[in-house]
Structures are given as C-alpha cells and as structure tokens.
Amino acid sequence: MTGNFRQNRAREHMDLMKHEVKQAKTTEQIEKKAVFYEEAVAAFDSQATKVIECLSQLPTIQQSHVKDIVEYFETIGQFHTKMAGAIAKRDF
C-alpha cells in the first residue's frame, strides 16, 4: 500500500468522521462521534508526519542516486575507451 493511498484513506476517514459529528442529533451521539473524529485526526496527523519525514529524506536519496548514475556512466565510459583501444589494435 503506498503512502499516498494511506494518506488519502486517512483524510477520507477523517472527513467522514467530521461529517458524522455534524449529523449527530443528541449530545451523547456528538460526544461519541467526536471521540472517533479525534482518533481519525490523530491517525491523519501520524500519516502526515510519516510523509513529511519521507520528503525530508528525498535530497539524501537523490544524491545517492545521482552518485550511482555518475559511477555507472564513468564505468561505461571506461569500458568504451578500452574497447575502442582493443578494436584499434585488433586485439579482441
């Protein structure tokens, strides 16, 4: 399950609980549904915190991937240079 899906599901659940609080007729219903709404808000906030943590890690992850890509192309360049030399010498 992706983080985006979980975040959307948490938001939808929170919105549903908010709607149910608004639709409640008695004080008892309001109090009961308000507790569920508060739990939904807490779950949404928890998921939002996880998303923010992931976003804060993106620059580090990007640097790692850029390093890997640079290393890959340097290796490919060395390979092509060696192969060009071997072809020029007919040493293959």
PDB file of N, CA and C in Angstrom:
ATOM      1  N   MET A   1       0.857  -1.166   0.000  1.00  0.00           N
ATOM      2  CA  MET A   1       0.000   0.000   0.000  1.00  0.00           C
ATOM      3  C   MET A   1       0.907   1.234   0.000  1.00  0.00           C
ATOM      4  N   THR A   2       0.687   2.144  -0.891  1.00  0.00           N
ATOM      5  CA  THR A   2       1.541   3.312  -0.992  1.00  0.00           C
ATOM      6  C   THR A   2       1.181   4.336   0.064  1.00  0.00           C
ATOM      7  N   GLY A   3       2.165   5.197   0.360  1.00  0.00           N
ATOM      8  CA  GLY A   3       1.934   6.244   1.345  1.00  0.00           C
ATOM      9  C   GLY A   3       0.836   7.196   0.928  1.00  0.00           C
ATOM     10  N   ASN A   4       0.785   7.497  -0.376  1.00  0.00           N
ATOM     11  CA  ASN A   4      -0.246   8.400  -0.879  1.00  0.00           C
ATOM     12  C   ASN A   4      -1.630   7.814  -0.657  1.00  0.00           C
ATOM     13  N   PHE A   5      -1.779   6.512  -0.910  1.00  0.00           N
ATOM     14  CA  PHE A   5      -3.066   5.846  -0.707  1.00  0.00           C
ATOM     15  C   PHE A   5      -3.455   5.890   0.768  1.00  0.00           C
ATOM     16  N   ARG A   6      -2.490   5.600   1.649  1.00  0.00           N
ATOM     17  CA  ARG A   6      -2.774   5.623   3.091  1.00  0.00           C
ATOM     18  C   ARG A   6      -3.151   7.024   3.548  1.00  0.00           C
ATOM     19  N   GLN A   7      -2.446   8.024   3.015  1.00  0.00           N
ATOM     20  CA  GLN A   7      -2.741   9.409   3.391  1.00  0.00           C
ATOM     21  C   GLN A   7      -4.141   9.788   2.941  1.00  0.00           C
ATOM     22  N   ASN A   8      -4.496   9.420   1.719  1.00  0.00           N
ATOM     23  CA  ASN A   8      -5.842   9.722   1.214  1.00  0.00           C
ATOM     24  C   ASN A   8      -6.905   9.001   2.018  1.00  0.00           C
ATOM     25  N   ARG A   9      -6.648   7.735   2.344  1.00  0.00           N
ATOM     26  CA  ARG A   9      -7.613   6.965   3.129  1.00  0.00           C
ATOM     27  C   ARG A   9      -7.795   7.588   4.516  1.00  0.00           C
ATOM     28  N   ALA A  10      -6.698   8.029   5.137  1.00  0.00           N
ATOM     29  CA  ALA A  10      -6.786   8.665   6.453  1.00  0.00           C
ATOM     30  C   ALA A  10      -7.574   9.974   6.366  1.00  0.00           C
ATOM     31  N   ARG A  11      -7.337  10.744   5.304  1.00  0.00           N
ATOM     32  CA  ARG A  11      -8.064  12.007   5.134  1.00  0.00           C
ATOM     33  C   ARG A  11      -9.553  11.756   4.909  1.00  0.00           C
ATOM     34  N   GLU A  12      -9.862  10.770   4.071  1.00  0.00           N
ATOM     35  CA  GLU A  12     -11.270  10.451   3.810  1.00  0.00           C
ATOM     36  C   GLU A  12     -11.973   9.979   5.080  1.00  0.00           C
ATOM     37  N   HIS A  13     -11.281   9.169   5.874  1.00  0.00           N
ATOM     38  CA  HIS A  13     -11.866   8.694   7.135  1.00  0.00           C
ATOM     39  C   HIS A  13     -12.100   9.871   8.084  1.00  0.00           C
ATOM     40  N   MET A  14     -11.141  10.780   8.145  1.00  0.00           N
ATOM     41  CA  MET A  14     -11.278  11.954   8.999  1.00  0.00           C
ATOM     42  C   MET A  14     -12.463  12.805   8.540  1.00  0.00           C
ATOM     43  N   ASP A  15     -12.595  13.002   7.239  1.00  0.00           N
ATOM     44  CA  ASP A  15     -13.717  13.777   6.703  1.00  0.00           C
ATOM     45  C   ASP A  15     -15.055  13.110   7.005  1.00  0.00           C
ATOM     46  N   LEU A  16     -15.097  11.780   6.902  1.00  0.00           N
ATOM     47  CA  LEU A  16     -16.320  11.045   7.212  1.00  0.00           C
ATOM     48  C   LEU A  16     -16.696  11.212   8.684  1.00  0.00           C
ATOM     49  N   MET A  17     -15.710  11.114   9.564  1.00  0.00           N
ATOM     50  CA  MET A  17     -15.990  11.272  10.996  1.00  0.00           C
ATOM     51  C   MET A  17     -16.475  12.696  11.300  1.00  0.00           C
ATOM     52  N   LYS A  18     -15.881  13.674  10.629  1.00  0.00           N
ATOM     53  CA  LYS A  18     -16.308  15.062  10.819  1.00  0.00           C
ATOM     54  C   LYS A  18     -17.760  15.226  10.378  1.00  0.00           C
ATOM     55  N   HIS A  19     -18.101  14.627   9.253  1.00  0.00           N
ATOM     56  CA  HIS A  19     -19.471  14.688   8.746  1.00  0.00           C
ATOM     57  C   HIS A  19     -20.433  14.028   9.734  1.00  0.00           C
ATOM     58  N   GLU A  20     -20.036  12.884  10.293  1.00  0.00           N
ATOM     59  CA  GLU A  20     -20.898  12.194  11.244  1.00  0.00           C
ATOM     60  C   GLU A  20     -21.111  13.015  12.514  1.00  0.00           C
ATOM     61  N   VAL A  21     -20.091  13.740  12.943  1.00  0.00           N
ATOM     62  CA  VAL A  21     -20.259  14.615  14.114  1.00  0.00           C
ATOM     63  C   VAL A  21     -21.285  15.694  13.798  1.00  0.00           C
ATOM     64  N   LYS A  22     -21.198  16.262  12.596  1.00  0.00           N
ATOM     65  CA  LYS A  22     -22.151  17.306  12.206  1.00  0.00           C
ATOM     66  C   LYS A  22     -23.573  16.770  12.101  1.00  0.00           C
ATOM     67  N   GLN A  23     -23.711  15.495  11.725  1.00  0.00           N
ATOM     68  CA  GLN A  23     -25.037  14.902  11.548  1.00  0.00           C
ATOM     69  C   GLN A  23     -25.642  14.380  12.853  1.00  0.00           C
ATOM     70  N   ALA A  24     -24.855  14.311  13.901  1.00  0.00           N
ATOM     71  CA  ALA A  24     -25.348  13.778  15.175  1.00  0.00           C
ATOM     72  C   ALA A  24     -26.443  14.684  15.734  1.00  0.00           C
ATOM     73  N   LYS A  25     -27.450  14.059  16.345  1.00  0.00           N
ATOM     74  CA  LYS A  25     -28.615  14.807  16.839  1.00  0.00           C
ATOM     75  C   LYS A  25     -28.562  15.051  18.346  1.00  0.00           C
ATOM     76  N   THR A  26     -28.055  14.092  19.081  1.00  0.00           N
ATOM     77  CA  THR A  26     -28.064  14.229  20.544  1.00  0.00           C
ATOM     78  C   THR A  26     -26.658  14.519  21.048  1.00  0.00           C
ATOM     79  N   THR A  27     -26.598  15.015  22.265  1.00  0.00           N
ATOM     80  CA  THR A  27     -25.310  15.309  22.893  1.00  0.00           C
ATOM     81  C   THR A  27     -24.482  14.035  23.025  1.00  0.00           C
ATOM     82  N   GLU A  28     -25.146  12.948  23.371  1.00  0.00           N
ATOM     83  CA  GLU A  28     -24.445  11.668  23.517  1.00  0.00           C
ATOM     84  C   GLU A  28     -23.832  11.226  22.190  1.00  0.00           C
ATOM     85  N   GLN A  29     -24.587  11.362  21.105  1.00  0.00           N
ATOM     86  CA  GLN A  29     -24.070  11.000  19.779  1.00  0.00           C
ATOM     87  C   GLN A  29     -22.896  11.900  19.393  1.00  0.00           C
ATOM     88  N   ILE A  30     -23.052  13.184  19.682  1.00  0.00           N
ATOM     89  CA  ILE A  30     -21.985  14.137  19.350  1.00  0.00           C
ATOM     90  C   ILE A  30     -20.704  13.770  20.086  1.00  0.00           C
ATOM     91  N   GLU A  31     -20.823  13.479  21.389  1.00  0.00           N
ATOM     92  CA  GLU A  31     -19.642  13.135  22.179  1.00  0.00           C
ATOM     93  C   GLU A  31     -18.994  11.851  21.675  1.00  0.00           C
ATOM     94  N   LYS A  32     -19.810  10.867  21.365  1.00  0.00           N
ATOM     95  CA  LYS A  32     -19.300   9.578  20.890  1.00  0.00           C
ATOM     96  C   LYS A  32     -18.589   9.742  19.542  1.00  0.00           C
ATOM     97  N   LYS A  33     -19.226  10.464  18.648  1.00  0.00           N
ATOM     98  CA  LYS A  33     -18.651  10.637  17.310  1.00  0.00           C
ATOM     99  C   LYS A  33     -17.458  11.590  17.339  1.00  0.00           C
ATOM    100  N   ALA A  34     -17.455  12.507  18.298  1.00  0.00           N
ATOM    101  CA  ALA A  34     -16.317  13.416  18.434  1.00  0.00           C
ATOM    102  C   ALA A  34     -15.055  12.640  18.817  1.00  0.00           C
ATOM    103  N   VAL A  35     -15.218  11.619  19.643  1.00  0.00           N
ATOM    104  CA  VAL A  35     -14.071  10.782  20.017  1.00  0.00           C
ATOM    105  C   VAL A  35     -13.514  10.084  18.776  1.00  0.00           C
ATOM    106  N   PHE A  36     -14.400   9.545  17.937  1.00  0.00           N
ATOM    107  CA  PHE A  36     -13.958   8.896  16.701  1.00  0.00           C
ATOM    108  C   PHE A  36     -13.276   9.899  15.772  1.00  0.00           C
ATOM    109  N   TYR A  37     -13.815  11.113  15.730  1.00  0.00           N
ATOM    110  CA  TYR A  37     -13.216  12.153  14.889  1.00  0.00           C
ATOM    111  C   TYR A  37     -11.811  12.493  15.384  1.00  0.00           C
ATOM    112  N   GLU A  38     -11.659  12.627  16.701  1.00  0.00           N
ATOM    113  CA  GLU A  38     -10.336  12.935  17.262  1.00  0.00           C
ATOM    114  C   GLU A  38      -9.337  11.825  16.948  1.00  0.00           C
ATOM    115  N   GLU A  39      -9.786  10.571  17.004  1.00  0.00           N
ATOM    116  CA  GLU A  39      -8.914   9.450  16.648  1.00  0.00           C
ATOM    117  C   GLU A  39      -8.538   9.508  15.171  1.00  0.00           C
ATOM    118  N   ALA A  40      -9.494   9.874  14.330  1.00  0.00           N
ATOM    119  CA  ALA A  40      -9.225   9.985  12.893  1.00  0.00           C
ATOM    120  C   ALA A  40      -8.231  11.107  12.618  1.00  0.00           C
ATOM    121  N   VAL A  41      -8.372  12.219  13.335  1.00  0.00           N
ATOM    122  CA  VAL A  41      -7.435  13.337  13.174  1.00  0.00           C
ATOM    123  C   VAL A  41      -6.031  12.902  13.600  1.00  0.00           C
ATOM    124  N   ALA A  42      -5.947  12.174  14.710  1.00  0.00           N
ATOM    125  CA  ALA A  42      -4.644  11.693  15.185  1.00  0.00           C
ATOM    126  C   ALA A  42      -4.010  10.743  14.163  1.00  0.00           C
ATOM    127  N   ALA A  43      -4.814   9.859  13.575  1.00  0.00           N
ATOM    128  CA  ALA A  43      -4.295   8.935  12.556  1.00  0.00           C
ATOM    129  C   ALA A  43      -3.818   9.705  11.327  1.00  0.00           C
ATOM    130  N   PHE A  44      -4.581  10.721  10.924  1.00  0.00           N
ATOM    131  CA  PHE A  44      -4.194  11.544   9.778  1.00  0.00           C
ATOM    132  C   PHE A  44      -2.889  12.279  10.074  1.00  0.00           C
ATOM    133  N   ASP A  45      -2.794  12.867  11.261  1.00  0.00           N
ATOM    134  CA  ASP A  45      -1.574  13.585  11.635  1.00  0.00           C
ATOM    135  C   ASP A  45      -0.365  12.655  11.661  1.00  0.00           C
ATOM    136  N   SER A  46      -0.572  11.443  12.146  1.00  0.00           N
ATOM    137  CA  SER A  46       0.512  10.462  12.181  1.00  0.00           C
ATOM    138  C   SER A  46       0.985  10.138  10.768  1.00  0.00           C
ATOM    139  N   GLN A  47       0.047   9.922   9.873  1.00  0.00           N
ATOM    140  CA  GLN A  47       0.400   9.611   8.488  1.00  0.00           C
ATOM    141  C   GLN A  47       1.061  10.817   7.824  1.00  0.00           C
ATOM    142  N   ALA A  48       0.574  12.015   8.116  1.00  0.00           N
ATOM    143  CA  ALA A  48       1.171  13.227   7.547  1.00  0.00           C
ATOM    144  C   ALA A  48       2.616  13.390   8.029  1.00  0.00           C
ATOM    145  N   THR A  49       2.869  13.058   9.283  1.00  0.00           N
ATOM    146  CA  THR A  49       4.224  13.127   9.825  1.00  0.00           C
ATOM    147  C   THR A  49       5.149  12.167   9.084  1.00  0.00           C
ATOM    148  N   LYS A  50       4.660  10.966   8.787  1.00  0.00           N
ATOM    149  CA  LYS A  50       5.462   9.997   8.035  1.00  0.00           C
ATOM    150  C   LYS A  50       5.780  10.519   6.641  1.00  0.00           C
ATOM    151  N   VAL A  51       4.804  11.154   6.009  1.00  0.00           N
ATOM    152  CA  VAL A  51       5.022  11.709   4.664  1.00  0.00           C
ATOM    153  C   VAL A  51       6.066  12.818   4.718  1.00  0.00           C
ATOM    154  N   ILE A  52       5.975  13.677   5.715  1.00  0.00           N
ATOM    155  CA  ILE A  52       6.936  14.775   5.860  1.00  0.00           C
ATOM    156  C   ILE A  52       8.339  14.226   6.093  1.00  0.00           C
ATOM    157  N   GLU A  53       8.457  13.167   6.898  1.00  0.00           N
ATOM    158  CA  GLU A  53       9.763  12.538   7.124  1.00  0.00           C
ATOM    159  C   GLU A  53      10.334  11.995   5.818  1.00  0.00           C
ATOM    160  N   CYS A  54       9.489  11.359   5.023  1.00  0.00           N
ATOM    161  CA  CYS A  54       9.942  10.835   3.725  1.00  0.00           C
ATOM    162  C   CYS A  54      10.402  11.970   2.818  1.00  0.00           C
ATOM    163  N   LEU A  55       9.653  13.050   2.814  1.00  0.00           N
ATOM    164  CA  LEU A  55      10.024  14.197   1.979  1.00  0.00           C
ATOM    165  C   LEU A  55      11.354  14.794   2.418  1.00  0.00           C
ATOM    166  N   SER A  56      11.611  14.808   3.716  1.00  0.00           N
ATOM    167  CA  SER A  56      12.871  15.372   4.200  1.00  0.00           C
ATOM    168  C   SER A  56      14.061  14.492   3.813  1.00  0.00           C
ATOM    169  N   GLN A  57      13.820  13.217   3.554  1.00  0.00           N
ATOM    170  CA  GLN A  57      14.893  12.301   3.160  1.00  0.00           C
ATOM    171  C   GLN A  57      15.170  12.332   1.655  1.00  0.00           C
ATOM    172  N   LEU A  58      14.299  12.938   0.882  1.00  0.00           N
ATOM    173  CA  LEU A  58      14.460  12.926  -0.577  1.00  0.00           C
ATOM    174  C   LEU A  58      15.787  13.501  -1.070  1.00  0.00           C
ATOM    175  N   PRO A  59      16.276  14.633  -0.537  1.00  0.00           N
ATOM    176  CA  PRO A  59      17.561  15.139  -1.040  1.00  0.00           C
ATOM    177  C   PRO A  59      18.706  14.136  -0.862  1.00  0.00           C
ATOM    178  N   THR A  60      18.738  13.444   0.270  1.00  0.00           N
ATOM    179  CA  THR A  60      19.776  12.446   0.513  1.00  0.00           C
ATOM    180  C   THR A  60      19.644  11.283  -0.460  1.00  0.00           C
ATOM    181  N   ILE A  61      18.424  10.831  -0.668  1.00  0.00           N
ATOM    182  CA  ILE A  61      18.174   9.732  -1.603  1.00  0.00           C
ATOM    183  C   ILE A  61      18.568  10.155  -3.017  1.00  0.00           C
ATOM    184  N   GLN A  62      18.230  11.392  -3.378  1.00  0.00           N
ATOM    185  CA  GLN A  62      18.563  11.886  -4.714  1.00  0.00           C
ATOM    186  C   GLN A  62      20.077  11.930  -4.904  1.00  0.00           C
ATOM    187  N   GLN A  63      20.812  12.409  -3.900  1.00  0.00           N
ATOM    188  CA  GLN A  63      22.269  12.459  -4.006  1.00  0.00           C
ATOM    189  C   GLN A  63      22.848  11.065  -4.218  1.00  0.00           C
ATOM    190  N   SER A  64      22.308  10.100  -3.511  1.00  0.00           N
ATOM    191  CA  SER A  64      22.771   8.719  -3.649  1.00  0.00           C
ATOM    192  C   SER A  64      22.536   8.211  -5.068  1.00  0.00           C
ATOM    193  N   HIS A  65      21.368   8.488  -5.610  1.00  0.00           N
ATOM    194  CA  HIS A  65      21.053   8.035  -6.967  1.00  0.00           C
ATOM    195  C   HIS A  65      21.910   8.757  -8.005  1.00  0.00           C
ATOM    196  N   VAL A  66      22.141  10.036  -7.815  1.00  0.00           N
ATOM    197  CA  VAL A  66      22.991  10.786  -8.744  1.00  0.00           C
ATOM    198  C   VAL A  66      24.399  10.201  -8.724  1.00  0.00           C
ATOM    199  N   LYS A  67      24.901   9.897  -7.534  1.00  0.00           N
ATOM    200  CA  LYS A  67      26.232   9.292  -7.405  1.00  0.00           C
ATOM    201  C   LYS A  67      26.286   7.958  -8.155  1.00  0.00           C
ATOM    202  N   ASP A  68      25.254   7.131  -7.993  1.00  0.00           N
ATOM    203  CA  ASP A  68      25.204   5.838  -8.687  1.00  0.00           C
ATOM    204  C   ASP A  68      25.177   6.019 -10.203  1.00  0.00           C
ATOM    205  N   ILE A  69      24.424   6.991 -10.678  1.00  0.00           N
ATOM    206  CA  ILE A  69      24.323   7.238 -12.122  1.00  0.00           C
ATOM    207  C   ILE A  69      25.658   7.722 -12.678  1.00  0.00           C
ATOM    208  N   VAL A  70      26.315   8.628 -11.954  1.00  0.00           N
ATOM    209  CA  VAL A  70      27.622   9.129 -12.395  1.00  0.00           C
ATOM    210  C   VAL A  70      28.623   7.978 -12.447  1.00  0.00           C
ATOM    211  N   GLU A  71      28.621   7.144 -11.410  1.00  0.00           N
ATOM    212  CA  GLU A  71      29.527   5.990 -11.378  1.00  0.00           C
ATOM    213  C   GLU A  71      29.250   5.048 -12.552  1.00  0.00           C
ATOM    214  N   TYR A  72      27.989   4.822 -12.845  1.00  0.00           N
ATOM    215  CA  TYR A  72      27.604   3.950 -13.963  1.00  0.00           C
ATOM    216  C   TYR A  72      28.160   4.484 -15.282  1.00  0.00           C
ATOM    217  N   PHE A  73      27.952   5.786 -15.538  1.00  0.00           N
ATOM    218  CA  PHE A  73      28.410   6.338 -16.811  1.00  0.00           C
ATOM    219  C   PHE A  73      29.932   6.420 -16.886  1.00  0.00           C
ATOM    220  N   GLU A  74      30.601   6.614 -15.754  1.00  0.00           N
ATOM    221  CA  GLU A  74      32.065   6.578 -15.761  1.00  0.00           C
ATOM    222  C   GLU A  74      32.557   5.178 -16.117  1.00  0.00           C
ATOM    223  N   THR A  75      31.916   4.155 -15.556  1.00  0.00           N
ATOM    224  CA  THR A  75      32.283   2.767 -15.858  1.00  0.00           C
ATOM    225  C   THR A  75      32.025   2.449 -17.326  1.00  0.00           C
ATOM    226  N   ILE A  76      30.890   2.866 -17.837  1.00  0.00           N
ATOM    227  CA  ILE A  76      30.573   2.652 -19.256  1.00  0.00           C
ATOM    228  C   ILE A  76      31.594   3.369 -20.135  1.00  0.00           C
ATOM    229  N   GLY A  77      31.968   4.596 -19.734  1.00  0.00           N
ATOM    230  CA  GLY A  77      32.967   5.347 -20.498  1.00  0.00           C
ATOM    231  C   GLY A  77      34.307   4.629 -20.527  1.00  0.00           C
ATOM    232  N   GLN A  78      34.729   4.093 -19.378  1.00  0.00           N
ATOM    233  CA  GLN A  78      35.987   3.343 -19.323  1.00  0.00           C
ATOM    234  C   GLN A  78      35.912   2.095 -20.204  1.00  0.00           C
ATOM    235  N   PHE A  79      34.788   1.411 -20.148  1.00  0.00           N
ATOM    236  CA  PHE A  79      34.598   0.215 -20.973  1.00  0.00           C
ATOM    237  C   PHE A  79      34.712   0.564 -22.455  1.00  0.00           C
ATOM    238  N   HIS A  80      34.052   1.625 -22.872  1.00  0.00           N
ATOM    239  CA  HIS A  80      34.076   2.018 -24.282  1.00  0.00           C
ATOM    240  C   HIS A  80      35.478   2.448 -24.706  1.00  0.00           C
ATOM    241  N   THR A  81      36.191   3.122 -23.816  1.00  0.00           N
ATOM    242  CA  THR A  81      37.561   3.530 -24.126  1.00  0.00           C
ATOM    243  C   THR A  81      38.444   2.301 -24.327  1.00  0.00           C
ATOM    244  N   LYS A  82      38.319   1.321 -23.426  1.00  0.00           N
ATOM    245  CA  LYS A  82      39.111   0.090 -23.553  1.00  0.00           C
ATOM    246  C   LYS A  82      38.738  -0.677 -24.823  1.00  0.00           C
ATOM    247  N   MET A  83      37.467  -0.750 -25.117  1.00  0.00           N
ATOM    248  CA  MET A  83      37.030  -1.460 -26.320  1.00  0.00           C
ATOM    249  C   MET A  83      37.507  -0.748 -27.584  1.00  0.00           C
ATOM    250  N   ALA A  84      37.480   0.579 -27.569  1.00  0.00           N
ATOM    251  CA  ALA A  84      37.969   1.333 -28.728  1.00  0.00           C
ATOM    252  C   ALA A  84      39.456   1.066 -28.932  1.00  0.00           C
ATOM    253  N   GLY A  85      40.212   1.010 -27.827  1.00  0.00           N
ATOM    254  CA  GLY A  85      41.641   0.695 -27.927  1.00  0.00           C
ATOM    255  C   GLY A  85      41.868  -0.714 -28.440  1.00  0.00           C
ATOM    256  N   ALA A  86      41.071  -1.666 -27.962  1.00  0.00           N
ATOM    257  CA  ALA A  86      41.208  -3.058 -28.403  1.00  0.00           C
ATOM    258  C   ALA A  86      40.860  -3.191 -29.878  1.00  0.00           C
ATOM    259  N   ILE A  87      39.831  -2.497 -30.305  1.00  0.00           N
ATOM    260  CA  ILE A  87      39.440  -2.550 -31.719  1.00  0.00           C
ATOM    261  C   ILE A  87      40.521  -1.919 -32.586  1.00  0.00           C
ATOM    262  N   ALA A  88      41.105  -0.811 -32.106  1.00  0.00           N
ATOM    263  CA  ALA A  88      42.157  -0.147 -32.874  1.00  0.00           C
ATOM    264  C   ALA A  88      43.374  -1.061 -33.021  1.00  0.00           C
ATOM    265  N   LYS A  89      43.685  -1.864 -31.996  1.00  0.00           N
ATOM    266  CA  LYS A  89      44.821  -2.783 -32.058  1.00  0.00           C
ATOM    267  C   LYS A  89      44.430  -4.115 -32.691  1.00  0.00           C
ATOM    268  N   ARG A  90      43.150  -4.311 -32.875  1.00  0.00           N
ATOM    269  CA  ARG A  90      42.603  -5.584 -33.353  1.00  0.00           C
ATOM    270  C   ARG A  90      42.968  -6.691 -32.367  1.00  0.00           C
ATOM    271  N   ASP A  91      42.875  -6.339 -31.108  1.00  0.00           N
ATOM    272  CA  ASP A  91      43.286  -7.246 -30.033  1.00  0.00           C
ATOM    273  C   ASP A  91      42.059  -7.753 -29.283  1.00  0.00           C
ATOM    274  N   PHE A  92      41.187  -8.434 -30.020  1.00  0.00           N
ATOM    275  CA  PHE A  92      39.991  -8.973 -29.356  1.00  0.00           C
ATOM    276  C   PHE A  92      39.716 -10.375 -29.794  1.00  0.00           C
TER     277      PHE A  92
END
